[in-house]
Amino acid sequence: MIRIKDHKQQHLFDPWGFLSPKRRQILEQGWPGLFREHLLEELPVAQMASSFSSGSGRPTKNLHTVLGVLLLQQALDLTDKAAIEQLCFNAQWHYALDIPEESDEAKYISEKTLYSMRRIIIEKGLDQIIFEQTGQKLAEVFGVDPEKQRLDSVHLRSNMRKLGRIAIFSQTILKFLVNLKRHHSGLFDSIDSEVTARYWGNKGPGVFSQVKPSEAGKTLKTVSTDLFNLIEQFKDQAGVCAMHSYKLMQRVLTDQCEIKTDDTGGPKVEVKKPAEIPSDSLQNPSDPDATYSGHKGQGYQVQIMETFSCSEDPAEREQTLNLITHVAVEPACESDAHALVPAIADTQVRGLGPDELLADTLYGSDENHRVAAAAEVELVAPTSKGGEKKPLSEFAFDAEGNVTACPAGQAPTCCKPKKNAKHSAVFELERCKGCPRLSECPVKLGQNGAYVNYSAKQARLAQRRAREQTETFLDTYRWRAGVEATMSELDRLTGIKRLRVRGFGAVRFCAIMKAAGLNLLRAARVRRARAKALAAQNGCFWGVFRAYRVFKEHLQAGVTNFGLIFPNQPPAAPADLKLAA
């Protein structure tokens, strides 16, 4: 049975009247007051309620409480047990979730219920809805301007051990043997006892950790042969072939080995060289979704896009909310170049699309630059410097991509298009021969002139490289480095780089909810900075006086949901007082 509390309904008497004015003010100006006032009603309880019956079964926990606990748990990087304790005893959580009553029904939730509710959110994709709806609300409340944004990725690891190649084979085989004995004990007995003892003996797979480096090749050949023999032995058993652990063995064999024919015509297993192993190969049988990045290692990666302020005034930046507008979890083997277009499309659909987007070189391909321009987004990202030994960046071009002048200032005698979208610019032969910069120039000397052949893409890249040397580009691009502070905050405050879960769905849930949690913590920090600035502007005495007057009047009126933001004019009368979020 569904239980949903209407938090918009006002109380006859203030249930938080037992709090002193100073403690009440701390709650109101911190993240508890912000969450209770603006975000609690934005949680997708209606989508969550579709998983339960409206007329039968035990009543659920209040769905606002459940969703709020799961969000705050990730924002504050807590275990399930720690999150339950916070719900039971922490007044900040009670105020944020609007739970004034003292009962186990309201302030307690079991670990099993927390796990079950988290699984429902993952299956329904409600984590993305929570992120989008809370982000949209914060953007409205704090007047976030999405015009300028920046994009970057962060690598994270799930709760898995880093394994070498031998350990990947041995752990996969052990996982299969355990499941086979559990579900098909008769077939397990048919396996050679030497094989089972090697992986499931007294020492178990730990014996492979004692392998000398000089014997690693021999051991790798042994475990790969055992893996192949087990696959061949049970390939005709439909029940075994349907097992997840059997499919993992097939995946490891495909990733790590090649099957060839020996001299007798039989199959022969050969282990691939490390450079031949694909980046999306199995890294650990406990987390089959994790992949490998040659730059950052095993795990996953998260794309983060946020708004920012380019004001030189530190006080103004402190009062501006840098809102995370897009978060996407990807396999670690994915290139950042593929993430830019989906990020722009996602934010534009929600009305938070950027006009100017800062990113690093991996996002700055020519294709991404053209797609961003078609979406009316100015992509500010450096071009890759590799490939051309004598680039065209010092040549001058017109709007159509035709060369108008060489680095020495010489204009071409003609510039005409060629086949296959190529262009050709012709310069006077004698002047080019006598040019002191000839050795650095990409021109080729011919019989009737000096030629420069280039494609439309090369022309676009050359113009971008020329712009990258200007003061305007450097002054704009320097703000991209600020996204590294966001990655640091995600790690320090929410623990995003080392998660307690495994599997793509669980990793995605944690990463998205942590990003939503960081938005909440940042918004609370901005709210306090704005209140402090207003109090300083009006004077300390008047600020304290106004806070007391507002608090007293609300207690007398029985109003429970209010915030303290001080107006600029001195309080002539209670009607003069202004309340705002």
Protein backbone atom coordinates (compact mmCIF):
# COMPACT_ATOMS: atom_id res chain seq x y z
CA MET A 1 0.00 0.00 0.00
CA ILE A 2 1.35 3.39 -0.99
CA ARG A 3 2.06 6.02 1.64
CA ILE A 4 2.72 9.58 0.44
CA LYS A 5 2.63 12.61 2.71
CA ASP A 6 1.55 15.98 1.35
CA HIS A 7 4.31 18.30 2.56
CA LYS A 8 2.58 21.36 1.09
CA GLN A 9 -0.17 21.15 3.71
CA GLN A 10 0.43 23.72 6.45
CA HIS A 11 0.47 22.78 10.14
CA LEU A 12 -1.97 24.36 12.56
CA PHE A 13 0.89 24.82 15.03
CA ASP A 14 4.58 25.06 14.24
CA PRO A 15 6.01 21.55 14.84
CA TRP A 16 9.52 22.96 15.02
CA GLY A 17 8.75 25.57 17.65
CA PHE A 18 10.91 23.76 20.21
CA LEU A 19 14.03 24.86 18.32
CA SER A 20 15.82 27.97 19.51
CA PRO A 21 16.05 30.90 17.06
CA LYS A 22 19.74 30.37 16.38
CA ARG A 23 19.39 26.64 15.70
CA ARG A 24 16.34 27.28 13.56
CA GLN A 25 18.26 29.86 11.55
CA ILE A 26 21.16 27.43 11.00
CA LEU A 27 18.75 24.81 9.68
CA GLU A 28 16.95 27.29 7.47
CA GLN A 29 20.08 28.74 5.89
CA GLY A 30 21.81 25.37 5.50
CA TRP A 31 21.08 22.45 3.22
CA PRO A 32 18.24 21.08 5.44
CA GLY A 33 16.12 24.20 4.97
CA LEU A 34 16.91 24.41 1.29
CA PHE A 35 16.03 20.76 0.71
CA ARG A 36 12.80 20.96 2.72
CA GLU A 37 11.63 24.19 1.14
CA HIS A 38 12.44 23.58 -2.52
CA LEU A 39 13.49 20.00 -3.31
CA LEU A 40 11.41 17.68 -1.15
CA GLU A 41 8.32 18.08 -3.33
CA GLU A 42 10.41 17.70 -6.51
CA LEU A 43 11.21 14.05 -5.78
CA PRO A 44 9.46 11.68 -8.27
CA VAL A 45 7.17 9.91 -5.82
CA ALA A 46 4.46 9.41 -8.46
CA GLN A 47 6.80 7.34 -10.65
CA MET A 48 7.95 5.44 -7.58
CA ALA A 49 4.37 4.74 -6.48
CA SER A 50 3.64 2.76 -9.67
CA SER A 51 5.68 -0.13 -8.21
CA PHE A 52 3.23 -0.60 -5.32
CA SER A 53 -0.42 -1.41 -4.90
CA SER A 54 -2.71 1.41 -3.86
CA GLY A 55 -5.14 -0.79 -1.91
CA SER A 56 -3.42 -3.93 -0.63
CA GLY A 57 -0.30 -5.01 1.22
CA ARG A 58 1.59 -3.43 4.09
CA PRO A 59 1.93 0.36 3.94
CA THR A 60 5.19 1.53 2.45
CA LYS A 61 7.47 4.00 4.13
CA ASN A 62 6.67 7.57 3.17
CA LEU A 63 8.08 7.74 -0.37
CA HIS A 64 9.33 11.29 0.10
CA THR A 65 11.38 10.04 3.06
CA VAL A 66 12.78 7.07 1.16
CA LEU A 67 13.87 9.07 -1.87
CA GLY A 68 15.26 11.82 0.33
CA VAL A 69 17.29 9.37 2.40
CA LEU A 70 18.80 7.76 -0.72
CA LEU A 71 19.73 11.18 -2.10
CA LEU A 72 21.26 12.44 1.14
CA GLN A 73 23.11 9.15 1.63
CA GLN A 74 24.99 9.62 -1.65
CA ALA A 75 25.49 13.35 -1.12
CA LEU A 76 27.18 12.75 2.24
CA ASP A 77 28.91 9.49 1.23
CA LEU A 78 27.34 7.24 3.89
CA THR A 79 26.92 3.49 4.18
CA ASP A 80 23.42 2.04 4.48
CA LYS A 81 23.84 1.60 8.24
CA ALA A 82 25.14 5.15 8.70
CA ALA A 83 22.28 6.60 6.62
CA ILE A 84 19.71 4.77 8.77
CA GLU A 85 21.34 6.13 11.93
CA GLN A 86 21.19 9.66 10.53
CA LEU A 87 17.48 9.21 9.78
CA CYS A 88 16.90 7.95 13.31
CA PHE A 89 18.75 10.58 15.31
CA ASN A 90 19.91 13.55 13.20
CA ALA A 91 17.75 16.67 13.55
CA GLN A 92 19.12 18.05 10.26
CA TRP A 93 17.72 15.04 8.39
CA HIS A 94 14.40 15.30 10.25
CA TYR A 95 14.07 18.96 9.31
CA ALA A 96 15.12 18.38 5.69
CA LEU A 97 12.65 15.52 5.26
CA ASP A 98 9.90 17.33 7.26
CA ILE A 99 9.52 14.62 9.92
CA PRO A 100 8.50 16.31 13.18
CA GLU A 101 6.84 13.24 14.71
CA GLU A 102 8.74 10.82 16.96
CA SER A 103 7.88 7.31 15.78
CA ASP A 104 9.71 4.38 14.27
CA GLU A 105 7.25 4.46 11.38
CA ALA A 106 8.49 7.93 10.43
CA LYS A 107 12.16 7.92 11.50
CA TYR A 108 13.32 4.35 10.92
CA ILE A 109 13.90 2.28 7.81
CA SER A 110 15.47 -1.17 7.59
CA GLU A 111 18.50 -1.99 5.45
CA LYS A 112 16.42 -4.42 3.37
CA THR A 113 13.84 -1.73 2.61
CA LEU A 114 16.58 0.69 1.68
CA TYR A 115 18.10 -1.92 -0.65
CA SER A 116 14.73 -2.75 -2.23
CA MET A 117 13.84 0.89 -2.83
CA ARG A 118 17.26 1.54 -4.36
CA ARG A 119 16.77 -1.39 -6.73
CA ILE A 120 13.40 0.01 -7.87
CA ILE A 121 14.97 3.41 -8.55
CA ILE A 122 17.75 1.80 -10.60
CA GLU A 123 15.33 -0.32 -12.65
CA LYS A 124 13.03 2.63 -13.39
CA GLY A 125 15.84 5.11 -14.03
CA LEU A 126 14.45 7.49 -11.40
CA ASP A 127 17.95 8.61 -10.46
CA GLN A 128 18.12 10.62 -13.68
CA ILE A 129 14.69 12.12 -12.99
CA ILE A 130 15.75 13.13 -9.48
CA PHE A 131 18.86 14.83 -10.85
CA GLU A 132 16.97 16.68 -13.57
CA GLN A 133 14.03 17.85 -11.45
CA THR A 134 16.13 18.99 -8.49
CA GLY A 135 18.60 20.70 -10.82
CA GLN A 136 15.79 22.46 -12.67
CA LYS A 137 14.33 23.72 -9.40
CA LEU A 138 17.68 25.01 -8.13
CA ALA A 139 18.24 26.77 -11.44
CA GLU A 140 14.93 28.60 -11.02
CA VAL A 141 15.43 29.47 -7.36
CA PHE A 142 18.98 30.77 -7.72
CA GLY A 143 18.59 32.35 -11.16
CA VAL A 144 21.26 30.19 -12.80
CA ASP A 145 22.44 31.49 -16.17
CA PRO A 146 23.35 28.49 -18.38
CA GLU A 147 25.02 30.63 -21.04
CA LYS A 148 28.58 29.61 -20.08
CA GLN A 149 29.35 25.99 -19.22
CA ARG A 150 32.31 23.61 -19.12
CA LEU A 151 32.60 19.86 -19.64
CA ASP A 152 35.03 17.22 -18.41
CA SER A 153 35.14 13.58 -17.28
CA VAL A 154 36.26 11.84 -14.10
CA HIS A 155 37.36 8.23 -13.72
CA LEU A 156 35.85 6.11 -10.95
CA ARG A 157 36.25 2.57 -9.68
CA SER A 158 33.56 0.25 -8.43
CA ASN A 159 34.02 -2.03 -5.44
CA MET A 160 36.26 -4.55 -7.19
CA ARG A 161 39.83 -5.73 -6.83
CA LYS A 162 42.37 -5.01 -9.53
CA LEU A 163 43.29 -8.31 -11.16
CA GLY A 164 46.12 -9.37 -13.46
CA ARG A 165 45.60 -11.67 -16.41
CA ILE A 166 46.24 -14.88 -14.46
CA ALA A 167 43.87 -13.79 -11.71
CA ILE A 168 41.15 -12.97 -14.26
CA PHE A 169 41.33 -16.53 -15.60
CA SER A 170 41.48 -18.19 -12.18
CA GLN A 171 38.71 -16.10 -10.60
CA THR A 172 36.41 -16.68 -13.59
CA ILE A 173 36.99 -20.43 -13.43
CA LEU A 174 36.42 -20.48 -9.66
CA LYS A 175 33.16 -18.55 -10.05
CA PHE A 176 31.98 -21.11 -12.60
CA LEU A 177 32.93 -24.08 -10.43
CA VAL A 178 31.09 -22.66 -7.41
CA ASN A 179 27.91 -22.08 -9.41
CA LEU A 180 28.15 -25.43 -11.17
CA LYS A 181 28.41 -27.32 -7.87
CA ARG A 182 25.49 -25.36 -6.48
CA HIS A 183 23.12 -25.93 -9.41
CA HIS A 184 24.49 -29.04 -11.18
CA SER A 185 26.38 -31.10 -8.61
CA GLY A 186 26.30 -34.23 -10.81
CA LEU A 187 28.04 -32.42 -13.67
CA PHE A 188 30.54 -30.92 -11.23
CA ASP A 189 31.70 -34.40 -10.25
CA SER A 190 32.56 -35.14 -13.88
CA ILE A 191 35.33 -32.50 -13.93
CA ASP A 192 38.91 -33.71 -13.60
CA SER A 193 39.87 -33.67 -9.91
CA GLU A 194 43.20 -32.00 -10.71
CA VAL A 195 41.38 -29.04 -12.23
CA THR A 196 39.03 -28.62 -9.29
CA ALA A 197 41.91 -28.95 -6.82
CA ARG A 198 43.89 -26.31 -8.70
CA TYR A 199 41.14 -23.71 -8.32
CA TRP A 200 39.14 -25.00 -5.37
CA GLY A 201 41.67 -26.78 -3.22
CA ASN A 202 42.96 -25.89 0.21
CA LYS A 203 44.86 -22.93 -1.19
CA GLY A 204 42.32 -22.10 -3.84
CA PRO A 205 43.10 -19.51 -6.53
CA GLY A 206 45.45 -17.80 -4.09
CA VAL A 207 48.13 -20.22 -5.19
CA PHE A 208 48.49 -18.21 -8.39
CA SER A 209 49.69 -15.20 -6.40
CA GLN A 210 52.85 -17.18 -5.65
CA VAL A 211 53.80 -17.51 -9.31
CA LYS A 212 57.28 -16.25 -10.12
CA PRO A 213 57.47 -13.68 -12.93
CA SER A 214 59.64 -16.08 -14.94
CA GLU A 215 56.89 -18.73 -14.76
CA ALA A 216 53.97 -16.41 -15.53
CA GLY A 217 53.87 -17.41 -19.20
CA LYS A 218 53.66 -21.11 -18.35
CA THR A 219 50.95 -20.52 -15.73
CA LEU A 220 48.96 -18.35 -18.14
CA LYS A 221 49.04 -21.15 -20.68
CA THR A 222 47.79 -23.62 -18.06
CA VAL A 223 44.84 -21.52 -16.89
CA SER A 224 43.83 -20.64 -20.44
CA THR A 225 43.85 -24.31 -21.41
CA ASP A 226 41.73 -25.18 -18.36
CA LEU A 227 39.26 -22.47 -19.30
CA PHE A 228 38.98 -23.74 -22.86
CA ASN A 229 38.56 -27.37 -21.73
CA LEU A 230 35.75 -26.45 -19.33
CA ILE A 231 33.94 -24.54 -22.07
CA GLU A 232 34.28 -27.46 -24.46
CA GLN A 233 33.22 -30.01 -21.83
CA PHE A 234 29.86 -28.35 -21.14
CA LYS A 235 29.07 -26.73 -24.48
CA ASP A 236 26.29 -29.28 -25.15
CA GLN A 237 24.64 -28.79 -21.74
CA ALA A 238 21.89 -26.22 -22.27
CA GLY A 239 21.42 -25.59 -18.55
CA VAL A 240 25.12 -24.93 -18.04
CA CYS A 241 25.44 -22.75 -21.14
CA ALA A 242 22.67 -20.50 -19.78
CA MET A 243 24.62 -19.82 -16.58
CA HIS A 244 26.05 -16.33 -16.22
CA SER A 245 29.42 -17.69 -15.02
CA TYR A 246 29.71 -19.91 -18.13
CA LYS A 247 29.11 -16.91 -20.38
CA LEU A 248 31.84 -15.05 -18.47
CA MET A 249 34.28 -17.86 -19.30
CA GLN A 250 33.34 -17.56 -22.97
CA ARG A 251 33.92 -13.81 -22.81
CA VAL A 252 37.36 -14.22 -21.19
CA LEU A 253 38.33 -16.77 -23.83
CA THR A 254 37.30 -14.39 -26.62
CA ASP A 255 39.04 -11.41 -25.01
CA GLN A 256 42.29 -13.06 -23.96
CA CYS A 257 42.87 -15.99 -26.34
CA GLU A 258 42.89 -17.15 -29.92
CA ILE A 259 41.90 -20.67 -30.96
CA LYS A 260 44.19 -22.14 -33.58
CA THR A 261 44.85 -25.58 -35.01
CA ASP A 262 47.85 -27.64 -33.89
CA ASP A 263 49.89 -30.14 -35.93
CA THR A 264 47.39 -32.96 -35.28
CA GLY A 265 44.43 -30.89 -36.47
CA GLY A 266 43.05 -30.32 -32.98
CA PRO A 267 42.29 -26.99 -31.30
CA LYS A 268 45.14 -25.07 -29.71
CA VAL A 269 44.78 -22.16 -27.29
CA GLU A 270 47.15 -19.24 -27.66
CA VAL A 271 47.11 -16.27 -25.27
CA LYS A 272 46.97 -12.89 -26.97
CA LYS A 273 49.66 -10.30 -26.48
CA PRO A 274 48.66 -7.47 -24.09
CA ALA A 275 48.44 -4.94 -26.93
CA GLU A 276 45.89 -7.17 -28.74
CA ILE A 277 43.42 -7.31 -25.83
CA PRO A 278 40.42 -5.00 -26.40
CA SER A 279 39.79 -2.22 -23.90
CA ASP A 280 36.26 -3.48 -23.21
CA SER A 281 37.53 -6.88 -22.09
CA LEU A 282 36.48 -8.41 -18.76
CA GLN A 283 38.48 -6.82 -15.92
CA ASN A 284 36.97 -8.69 -12.98
CA PRO A 285 34.26 -11.39 -12.94
CA SER A 286 32.67 -9.66 -9.94
CA ASP A 287 31.94 -6.59 -12.13
CA PRO A 288 31.55 -7.62 -15.78
CA ASP A 289 30.49 -4.08 -16.81
CA ALA A 290 33.81 -2.48 -15.85
CA THR A 291 36.20 -1.79 -18.73
CA TYR A 292 39.75 -0.52 -19.17
CA SER A 293 41.20 2.87 -19.99
CA GLY A 294 44.82 2.96 -21.05
CA HIS A 295 45.17 6.36 -19.40
CA LYS A 296 43.32 5.81 -16.10
CA GLY A 297 42.93 2.06 -15.65
CA GLN A 298 39.96 -0.17 -14.81
CA GLY A 299 36.50 1.11 -13.96
CA TYR A 300 34.03 3.62 -15.39
CA GLN A 301 34.00 7.29 -16.30
CA VAL A 302 31.47 10.05 -15.65
CA GLN A 303 30.87 13.06 -17.88
CA ILE A 304 30.14 16.23 -15.89
CA MET A 305 28.94 19.55 -17.34
CA GLU A 306 28.37 22.61 -15.15
CA THR A 307 27.62 26.31 -15.34
CA PHE A 308 30.17 28.82 -14.10
CA SER A 309 30.73 32.52 -13.54
CA CYS A 310 33.68 34.26 -15.18
CA SER A 311 33.51 37.28 -12.87
CA GLU A 312 36.83 38.52 -11.53
CA ASP A 313 35.16 39.47 -8.23
CA PRO A 314 35.59 36.60 -5.69
CA ALA A 315 32.55 37.74 -3.73
CA GLU A 316 30.35 37.60 -6.83
CA ARG A 317 31.63 34.14 -7.74
CA GLU A 318 30.92 33.00 -4.19
CA GLN A 319 27.29 34.09 -4.56
CA THR A 320 26.84 32.43 -7.98
CA LEU A 321 25.68 28.82 -8.12
CA ASN A 322 27.81 26.58 -10.34
CA LEU A 323 25.10 24.08 -11.20
CA ILE A 324 25.84 20.63 -12.62
CA THR A 325 23.49 20.45 -15.61
CA HIS A 326 24.52 17.12 -17.13
CA VAL A 327 25.91 13.86 -15.79
CA ALA A 328 26.38 10.63 -17.77
CA VAL A 329 28.08 7.38 -16.76
CA GLU A 330 30.06 5.54 -19.47
CA PRO A 331 32.43 2.58 -19.72
CA ALA A 332 36.03 3.59 -19.10
CA CYS A 333 36.99 2.61 -22.65
CA GLU A 334 34.74 5.26 -24.21
CA SER A 335 36.40 8.31 -25.74
CA ASP A 336 35.52 11.77 -24.44
CA ALA A 337 35.02 12.88 -28.03
CA HIS A 338 31.71 10.97 -28.15
CA ALA A 339 30.28 12.67 -25.04
CA LEU A 340 29.96 16.27 -26.20
CA VAL A 341 27.01 16.00 -28.58
CA PRO A 342 24.78 14.02 -26.14
CA ALA A 343 25.62 16.52 -23.38
CA ILE A 344 24.54 19.49 -25.51
CA ALA A 345 21.36 17.73 -26.64
CA ASP A 346 20.43 16.70 -23.08
CA THR A 347 20.76 20.19 -21.62
CA GLN A 348 19.02 21.92 -24.53
CA VAL A 349 15.95 19.70 -24.16
CA ARG A 350 15.65 20.84 -20.51
CA GLY A 351 16.22 24.50 -21.28
CA LEU A 352 19.69 24.55 -19.71
CA GLY A 353 21.74 24.42 -22.91
CA PRO A 354 24.93 26.53 -23.13
CA ASP A 355 25.78 29.25 -25.59
CA GLU A 356 29.50 28.82 -24.89
CA LEU A 357 31.01 25.47 -23.88
CA LEU A 358 34.58 25.02 -22.63
CA ALA A 359 36.26 21.61 -22.91
CA ASP A 360 39.72 20.10 -23.31
CA THR A 361 41.41 18.85 -26.47
CA LEU A 362 39.69 15.44 -26.52
CA TYR A 363 36.30 17.13 -27.03
CA GLY A 364 37.61 19.57 -29.64
CA SER A 365 37.48 17.47 -32.80
CA ASP A 366 36.45 19.12 -36.05
CA GLU A 367 33.25 17.07 -36.16
CA ASN A 368 32.26 18.11 -32.63
CA HIS A 369 33.02 21.71 -33.46
CA ARG A 370 30.74 21.63 -36.49
CA VAL A 371 27.91 19.85 -34.65
CA ALA A 372 28.14 22.33 -31.78
CA ALA A 373 28.02 25.23 -34.22
CA ALA A 374 24.92 23.72 -35.86
CA ALA A 375 23.32 23.61 -32.39
CA GLU A 376 24.22 27.32 -31.92
CA VAL A 377 26.84 26.50 -29.29
CA GLU A 378 30.32 28.01 -29.41
CA LEU A 379 32.77 25.23 -28.53
CA VAL A 380 35.97 26.57 -26.98
CA ALA A 381 38.41 23.66 -27.06
CA PRO A 382 41.98 23.38 -28.37
CA THR A 383 42.69 21.35 -31.47
CA SER A 384 45.00 18.38 -31.44
CA LYS A 385 48.56 19.40 -32.31
CA GLY A 386 49.60 16.07 -33.82
CA GLY A 387 49.53 14.94 -37.44
CA GLU A 388 50.82 17.88 -39.48
CA LYS A 389 54.53 18.74 -39.37
CA LYS A 390 53.98 21.99 -41.29
CA PRO A 391 50.50 23.23 -40.34
CA LEU A 392 48.48 25.89 -42.12
CA SER A 393 47.71 27.89 -38.98
CA GLU A 394 49.85 30.88 -40.06
CA PHE A 395 48.03 31.22 -43.40
CA ALA A 396 45.15 33.69 -43.71
CA PHE A 397 41.76 32.39 -44.91
CA ASP A 398 38.48 33.95 -45.94
CA ALA A 399 35.02 32.81 -44.88
CA GLU A 400 34.85 30.20 -47.67
CA GLY A 401 38.13 28.58 -46.60
CA ASN A 402 40.26 30.03 -49.42
CA VAL A 403 43.83 31.14 -48.69
CA THR A 404 44.24 34.90 -48.87
CA ALA A 405 47.86 35.22 -47.73
CA CYS A 406 50.84 33.08 -46.73
CA PRO A 407 52.80 33.56 -43.44
CA ALA A 408 55.11 35.99 -45.28
CA GLY A 409 52.14 38.09 -46.41
CA GLN A 410 52.23 37.00 -50.07
CA ALA A 411 48.80 36.68 -51.72
CA PRO A 412 48.20 33.66 -53.99
CA THR A 413 47.90 34.14 -57.72
CA CYS A 414 44.83 31.92 -57.64
CA CYS A 415 42.91 29.68 -55.24
CA LYS A 416 40.57 27.10 -56.67
CA PRO A 417 38.69 24.00 -55.52
CA LYS A 418 39.80 20.53 -56.60
CA LYS A 419 38.28 17.07 -56.56
CA ASN A 420 37.37 15.26 -53.32
CA ALA A 421 36.64 18.52 -51.45
CA LYS A 422 40.24 19.67 -51.81
CA HIS A 423 41.49 23.22 -52.30
CA SER A 424 44.62 24.44 -54.03
CA ALA A 425 46.36 27.81 -53.62
CA VAL A 426 49.09 28.83 -56.11
CA PHE A 427 51.88 31.30 -55.26
CA GLU A 428 54.59 32.91 -57.41
CA LEU A 429 57.42 30.43 -57.76
CA GLU A 430 60.33 32.89 -57.65
CA ARG A 431 59.10 34.67 -54.52
CA CYS A 432 58.60 31.35 -52.71
CA LYS A 433 62.09 30.16 -53.69
CA GLY A 434 63.62 33.24 -52.13
CA CYS A 435 61.46 33.18 -48.99
CA PRO A 436 63.51 32.64 -45.78
CA ARG A 437 60.63 30.64 -44.28
CA LEU A 438 60.43 28.11 -47.10
CA SER A 439 61.68 25.24 -44.92
CA GLU A 440 58.80 25.79 -42.49
CA CYS A 441 56.12 26.27 -45.15
CA PRO A 442 53.86 23.45 -46.46
CA VAL A 443 54.09 24.71 -50.08
CA LYS A 444 55.39 22.37 -52.77
CA LEU A 445 57.44 23.88 -55.58
CA GLY A 446 56.31 23.03 -59.11
CA GLN A 447 57.25 24.09 -62.62
CA ASN A 448 54.78 26.96 -62.88
CA GLY A 449 54.33 27.94 -59.24
CA ALA A 450 54.32 26.94 -55.59
CA TYR A 451 51.26 24.94 -54.54
CA VAL A 452 49.48 24.40 -51.25
CA ASN A 453 46.87 21.62 -51.34
CA TYR A 454 44.53 21.26 -48.39
CA SER A 455 41.06 20.03 -47.48
CA ALA A 456 38.17 22.00 -46.03
CA LYS A 457 38.78 20.27 -42.69
CA GLN A 458 42.44 21.32 -42.71
CA ALA A 459 41.38 24.89 -43.41
CA ARG A 460 38.95 24.90 -40.49
CA LEU A 461 41.57 23.44 -38.16
CA ALA A 462 44.13 25.98 -39.33
CA GLN A 463 41.78 28.85 -38.56
CA ARG A 464 41.03 27.41 -35.13
CA ARG A 465 44.75 27.00 -34.36
CA ALA A 466 45.31 30.60 -35.32
CA ARG A 467 42.53 31.75 -32.97
CA GLU A 468 44.03 29.69 -30.15
CA GLN A 469 47.05 31.98 -30.13
CA THR A 470 44.99 35.11 -29.51
CA GLU A 471 44.54 36.78 -26.14
CA THR A 472 40.77 36.47 -26.46
CA PHE A 473 40.89 32.68 -26.69
CA LEU A 474 43.39 32.34 -23.85
CA ASP A 475 41.38 34.65 -21.61
CA THR A 476 38.21 32.65 -22.29
CA TYR A 477 39.74 29.19 -22.07
CA ARG A 478 41.44 29.76 -18.73
CA TRP A 479 38.08 29.30 -16.99
CA ARG A 480 37.94 25.66 -18.10
CA ALA A 481 40.38 24.69 -15.33
CA GLY A 482 37.68 25.41 -12.77
CA VAL A 483 35.94 22.15 -13.63
CA GLU A 484 38.80 20.32 -11.89
CA ALA A 485 37.58 21.83 -8.62
CA THR A 486 34.21 20.22 -9.26
CA MET A 487 35.86 16.83 -9.71
CA SER A 488 37.75 17.40 -6.47
CA GLU A 489 34.53 18.31 -4.65
CA LEU A 490 32.78 15.24 -5.98
CA ASP A 491 35.61 13.14 -4.63
CA ARG A 492 36.13 14.88 -1.27
CA LEU A 493 32.48 15.47 -0.36
CA THR A 494 30.66 12.57 -2.03
CA GLY A 495 33.40 9.96 -2.62
CA ILE A 496 32.57 9.46 -6.28
CA LYS A 497 35.97 8.08 -7.31
CA ARG A 498 35.69 4.96 -5.13
CA LEU A 499 32.21 3.49 -4.89
CA ARG A 500 30.85 0.75 -2.64
CA VAL A 501 28.85 -0.95 -5.41
CA ARG A 502 29.45 -2.99 -8.56
CA GLY A 503 27.63 -3.15 -11.88
CA PHE A 504 26.72 -0.45 -14.36
CA GLY A 505 23.24 0.23 -12.95
CA ALA A 506 24.43 0.66 -9.37
CA VAL A 507 27.41 2.76 -10.44
CA ARG A 508 25.18 5.01 -12.53
CA PHE A 509 22.76 5.44 -9.61
CA CYS A 510 25.54 6.47 -7.22
CA ALA A 511 27.22 8.86 -9.66
CA ILE A 512 24.00 10.64 -10.66
CA MET A 513 22.72 10.95 -7.09
CA LYS A 514 26.11 12.25 -5.92
CA ALA A 515 25.99 14.92 -8.62
CA ALA A 516 22.49 15.90 -7.46
CA GLY A 517 23.78 15.95 -3.88
CA LEU A 518 26.67 18.22 -4.80
CA ASN A 519 24.20 20.64 -6.40
CA LEU A 520 22.35 20.73 -3.07
CA LEU A 521 25.50 21.34 -1.01
CA ARG A 522 26.69 24.05 -3.39
CA ALA A 523 23.31 25.77 -3.39
CA ALA A 524 23.30 25.82 0.42
CA ARG A 525 26.76 27.38 0.40
CA VAL A 526 25.62 30.06 -2.06
CA ARG A 527 22.51 30.72 0.01
CA ARG A 528 24.60 31.35 3.11
CA ALA A 529 26.97 33.61 1.15
CA ARG A 530 24.08 35.70 -0.16
CA ALA A 531 22.52 36.00 3.29
CA LYS A 532 25.87 37.01 4.77
CA ALA A 533 26.40 39.63 2.07
CA LEU A 534 22.95 41.11 2.64
CA ALA A 535 23.46 41.16 6.39
CA ALA A 536 26.79 42.93 5.96
CA GLN A 537 25.20 45.41 3.57
CA ASN A 538 22.46 46.32 6.03
CA GLY A 539 24.66 46.20 9.11
CA CYS A 540 25.11 43.50 11.68
CA PHE A 541 22.66 44.99 14.20
CA TRP A 542 19.85 45.43 11.69
CA GLY A 543 20.45 41.94 10.33
CA VAL A 544 20.08 40.32 13.76
CA PHE A 545 17.10 42.54 14.58
CA ARG A 546 15.28 41.61 11.38
CA ALA A 547 15.96 37.91 11.86
CA TYR A 548 14.46 38.07 15.34
CA ARG A 549 11.39 40.04 14.18
CA VAL A 550 10.70 37.64 11.30
CA PHE A 551 11.09 34.61 13.52
CA LYS A 552 8.83 36.02 16.23
CA GLU A 553 6.06 36.97 13.79
CA HIS A 554 6.11 33.54 12.17
CA LEU A 555 5.86 31.82 15.52
CA GLN A 556 2.85 33.96 16.41
CA ALA A 557 1.21 33.23 13.02
CA GLY A 558 1.95 29.50 13.21
CA VAL A 559 3.76 29.56 9.87
CA THR A 560 6.36 26.79 9.54
CA ASN A 561 8.01 27.15 6.14
CA PHE A 562 10.04 30.35 5.84
CA GLY A 563 13.47 31.65 4.97
CA LEU A 564 15.48 34.60 6.23
CA ILE A 565 16.68 37.07 3.61
CA PHE A 566 16.95 40.66 4.80
CA PRO A 567 15.67 43.63 2.78
CA ASN A 568 17.69 46.74 2.14
CA GLN A 569 15.42 49.17 4.06
CA PRO A 570 15.33 49.42 7.89
CA PRO A 571 12.24 47.84 9.49
CA ALA A 572 9.70 50.59 10.01
CA ALA A 573 6.89 48.08 10.60
CA PRO A 574 6.29 44.31 10.34
CA ALA A 575 4.78 44.81 6.88
CA ASP A 576 8.16 46.15 5.79
CA LEU A 577 9.76 42.78 6.31
CA LYS A 578 10.44 40.82 3.15
CA LEU A 579 10.66 37.04 3.03
CA ALA A 580 12.42 35.29 0.19
CA ALA A 581 14.00 31.94 -0.55
